[in-house]
Amino acid sequence: FHHMLIGSSHKKEAAALNAADGVVKGFIYMGGPSCAVVESTKEDLLSWLSDCKRAGKEGVCTYWRVKEEKDKNVLFNNNKLKVMPYASGKDTKMDAKSYKQALSQLEIPFPLPECPYLQ
């Protein structure tokens, strides 16, 4: 996402987050830019991204991986999209450190490799 900001005045963000309920689970790292690390079916992910676009928050999928048996990961232990706050400081930058840690725990390299499923 170009940016996802926190606060009651950000109606588009709220609509995009509400659309995730029951569709995707994982984490969304708020800020500008914003990234989400989610678990879902391909159809549900594309549906959520379509709902986000309708809400005015267009996002793109830059990496997709088929879930394997070894992927029983504790990162996705509930069925919600957890909002991760901004990086510490006075601005609205995404918490890139936490994002990279989540990728590492999922054994996803950073920067993200090209994804054969999206070509």
Foldseek 3Di string as FASTA:
>chain_A
DQFQDDDPVRQLNVQLQVLQQPLWEAEWFGFGVIDTDTDHDPVSVVVSQVSSVVSVRHDDDQADDDDDPVQPDPRRVDSHYHYDAADDDDHGHTPVVVVCVVCVSRVADPPGDGYPVVD
